[in-house]
Amino acid sequence: MTSNVRTLATARPTKAALGLALVALLLTGCFGSNAQTFIMRTNQVRASVGVPALASHPTLDSKAQSWAQHLASRGTLVHSDLTSGLDSVNWTTIGENLASGSESGDWSLRLHNALVASPTHYNNLVDRRFTHVGVGVASAGGKVYVVEVFAEIR
């Protein structure tokens, strides 16, 4: 598992975000409900410490799903170029959590709990600056990959 946060004052729009949105819609398949489960669990953690809930964002979902597919296809766990594909989003702070593990049992709960137990990942989960989140889930070879992309959007 790894965590990454970057801040930027401005962003410029491009058509890349639309392409990412289409890819995410095509790739989510049965993992869409698992992505929603991650968002629900993240918002429960946030509520437990008095932090407002995150809203799902289609561009963040697209970026997260596309990167989860990339990780699954390569069997590796590395951060994305966080700013790539987010030119159309008016973000000021972005962050990313990655997790992977065996698809056996209740893998979504196990991976979520691992993120919560990691101080760096937990900080992203409860960061008050973040207002939106996108989650991507993909699997290959019995292993599942989860990408959470957080953003403060104005």
Protein backbone atom coordinates (compact mmCIF):
# COMPACT_ATOMS: atom_id res chain seq x y z
CA MET A 1 0.00 0.00 0.00
CA THR A 2 1.16 3.47 -0.76
CA SER A 3 -0.15 7.00 -0.35
CA ASN A 4 0.51 10.17 -2.29
CA VAL A 5 -0.69 13.79 -1.90
CA ARG A 6 -0.05 16.77 -4.14
CA THR A 7 -1.38 20.31 -4.12
CA LEU A 8 -1.82 22.76 -6.94
CA ALA A 9 -3.51 26.12 -7.17
CA THR A 10 -4.99 25.80 -10.67
CA ALA A 11 -5.73 23.29 -13.42
CA ARG A 12 -6.45 23.67 -17.13
CA PRO A 13 -9.19 21.76 -18.99
CA THR A 14 -8.56 19.10 -21.68
CA LYS A 15 -10.50 16.30 -23.37
CA ALA A 16 -8.47 13.61 -21.56
CA ALA A 17 -10.96 13.52 -18.68
CA LEU A 18 -13.79 12.59 -21.04
CA GLY A 19 -11.74 9.69 -22.37
CA LEU A 20 -11.03 8.51 -18.84
CA ALA A 21 -14.74 8.70 -18.00
CA LEU A 22 -15.62 6.45 -20.93
CA VAL A 23 -12.90 3.93 -20.01
CA ALA A 24 -14.14 3.80 -16.42
CA LEU A 25 -17.72 3.18 -17.50
CA LEU A 26 -16.60 0.30 -19.69
CA LEU A 27 -14.29 -1.26 -17.10
CA THR A 28 -16.20 -1.01 -13.83
CA GLY A 29 -18.34 -4.11 -14.43
CA CYS A 30 -18.99 -6.09 -11.26
CA PHE A 31 -16.48 -4.07 -9.27
CA GLY A 32 -18.70 -0.95 -9.34
CA SER A 33 -20.54 -2.01 -6.19
CA ASN A 34 -17.21 -2.69 -4.47
CA ALA A 35 -16.09 0.85 -5.32
CA GLN A 36 -19.28 2.17 -3.74
CA THR A 37 -18.59 0.02 -0.67
CA PHE A 38 -15.15 1.65 -0.33
CA ILE A 39 -16.73 5.11 -0.52
CA MET A 40 -19.35 4.16 2.08
CA ARG A 41 -16.71 2.78 4.45
CA THR A 42 -14.48 5.82 3.94
CA ASN A 43 -17.39 8.12 4.77
CA GLN A 44 -18.12 6.08 7.91
CA VAL A 45 -14.53 6.61 9.05
CA ARG A 46 -14.79 10.32 8.27
CA ALA A 47 -18.08 10.62 10.18
CA SER A 48 -16.52 8.91 13.21
CA VAL A 49 -14.05 11.78 13.52
CA GLY A 50 -16.46 14.58 12.57
CA VAL A 51 -15.22 15.09 8.99
CA PRO A 52 -17.79 15.71 6.22
CA ALA A 53 -18.56 12.90 3.78
CA LEU A 54 -16.86 12.73 0.40
CA ALA A 55 -18.92 12.92 -2.77
CA SER A 56 -18.19 10.63 -5.67
CA HIS A 57 -16.85 12.39 -8.76
CA PRO A 58 -17.04 10.88 -12.27
CA THR A 59 -13.62 12.13 -13.42
CA LEU A 60 -11.96 10.86 -10.23
CA ASP A 61 -13.80 7.55 -10.66
CA SER A 62 -12.51 7.31 -14.23
CA LYS A 63 -8.95 8.05 -13.22
CA ALA A 64 -9.06 5.57 -10.34
CA GLN A 65 -10.62 2.80 -12.45
CA SER A 66 -8.20 3.32 -15.31
CA TRP A 67 -5.23 3.15 -12.93
CA ALA A 68 -6.60 0.09 -11.12
CA GLN A 69 -6.86 -1.66 -14.51
CA HIS A 70 -3.29 -0.61 -15.32
CA LEU A 71 -2.02 -2.02 -12.02
CA ALA A 72 -3.92 -5.28 -12.46
CA SER A 73 -2.64 -5.74 -16.00
CA ARG A 74 0.95 -5.29 -14.84
CA GLY A 75 0.71 -6.98 -11.46
CA THR A 76 2.37 -4.08 -9.68
CA LEU A 77 1.51 -1.37 -7.16
CA VAL A 78 2.83 2.08 -8.11
CA HIS A 79 1.29 5.54 -7.92
CA SER A 80 -0.17 7.23 -10.94
CA ASP A 81 0.85 10.64 -12.17
CA LEU A 82 -1.79 12.25 -9.99
CA THR A 83 -2.36 15.28 -12.19
CA SER A 84 -2.78 13.26 -15.39
CA GLY A 85 -6.37 13.22 -16.58
CA LEU A 86 -7.54 15.80 -14.06
CA ASP A 87 -7.10 18.91 -16.19
CA SER A 88 -10.87 19.46 -16.40
CA VAL A 89 -11.29 19.31 -12.62
CA ASN A 90 -10.86 22.53 -10.65
CA TRP A 91 -8.89 20.88 -7.84
CA THR A 92 -6.61 22.48 -5.26
CA THR A 93 -5.39 19.36 -3.41
CA ILE A 94 -5.28 15.75 -4.59
CA GLY A 95 -4.22 12.49 -3.00
CA GLU A 96 -4.13 8.81 -3.79
CA ASN A 97 -4.30 5.57 -1.82
CA LEU A 98 -3.43 2.20 -3.34
CA ALA A 99 -4.05 -1.25 -1.94
CA SER A 100 -3.83 -4.79 -3.26
CA GLY A 101 -4.31 -8.28 -1.95
CA SER A 102 -5.83 -11.68 -2.54
CA GLU A 103 -9.39 -11.80 -3.84
CA SER A 104 -10.25 -14.46 -1.27
CA GLY A 105 -12.77 -13.91 1.50
CA ASP A 106 -14.01 -10.42 2.27
CA TRP A 107 -11.13 -8.74 0.48
CA SER A 108 -12.81 -5.33 0.34
CA LEU A 109 -13.14 -5.15 4.13
CA ARG A 110 -9.61 -6.50 4.61
CA LEU A 111 -8.09 -3.90 2.24
CA HIS A 112 -10.17 -1.07 3.69
CA ASN A 113 -9.07 -2.01 7.22
CA ALA A 114 -5.44 -2.09 6.08
CA LEU A 115 -5.78 1.46 4.71
CA VAL A 116 -7.35 2.65 7.97
CA ALA A 117 -4.56 0.99 9.99
CA SER A 118 -1.82 2.75 7.99
CA PRO A 119 -1.19 6.28 9.30
CA THR A 120 -0.36 7.74 5.88
CA HIS A 121 -3.42 6.20 4.21
CA TYR A 122 -5.64 7.09 7.15
CA ASN A 123 -4.55 10.72 6.82
CA ASN A 124 -5.86 10.74 3.25
CA LEU A 125 -9.11 9.08 4.33
CA VAL A 126 -9.87 11.76 6.93
CA ASP A 127 -8.19 14.81 5.37
CA ARG A 128 -10.67 17.69 5.81
CA ARG A 129 -9.46 19.35 2.62
CA PHE A 130 -10.78 16.54 0.44
CA THR A 131 -14.35 16.98 -0.79
CA HIS A 132 -14.57 14.29 -3.49
CA VAL A 133 -13.31 10.80 -4.15
CA GLY A 134 -13.08 8.33 -7.00
CA VAL A 135 -12.51 4.62 -6.48
CA GLY A 136 -11.35 2.03 -8.96
CA VAL A 137 -11.20 -1.74 -8.46
CA ALA A 138 -9.70 -4.32 -10.82
CA SER A 139 -8.38 -7.85 -10.53
CA ALA A 140 -6.04 -10.24 -12.29
CA GLY A 141 -4.51 -13.55 -11.31
CA GLY A 142 -6.45 -13.86 -8.06
CA LYS A 143 -5.27 -10.45 -6.86
CA VAL A 144 -7.39 -7.33 -6.52
CA TYR A 145 -6.17 -3.73 -6.87
CA VAL A 146 -7.92 -0.73 -5.33
CA VAL A 147 -7.18 2.90 -6.18
CA GLU A 148 -8.69 5.80 -4.25
CA VAL A 149 -8.22 9.29 -5.73
CA PHE A 150 -9.11 12.16 -3.40
CA ALA A 151 -9.55 15.80 -4.35
CA GLU A 152 -10.48 19.15 -2.93
CA ILE A 153 -12.67 20.62 -5.65
CA ARG A 154 -13.78 24.23 -5.59
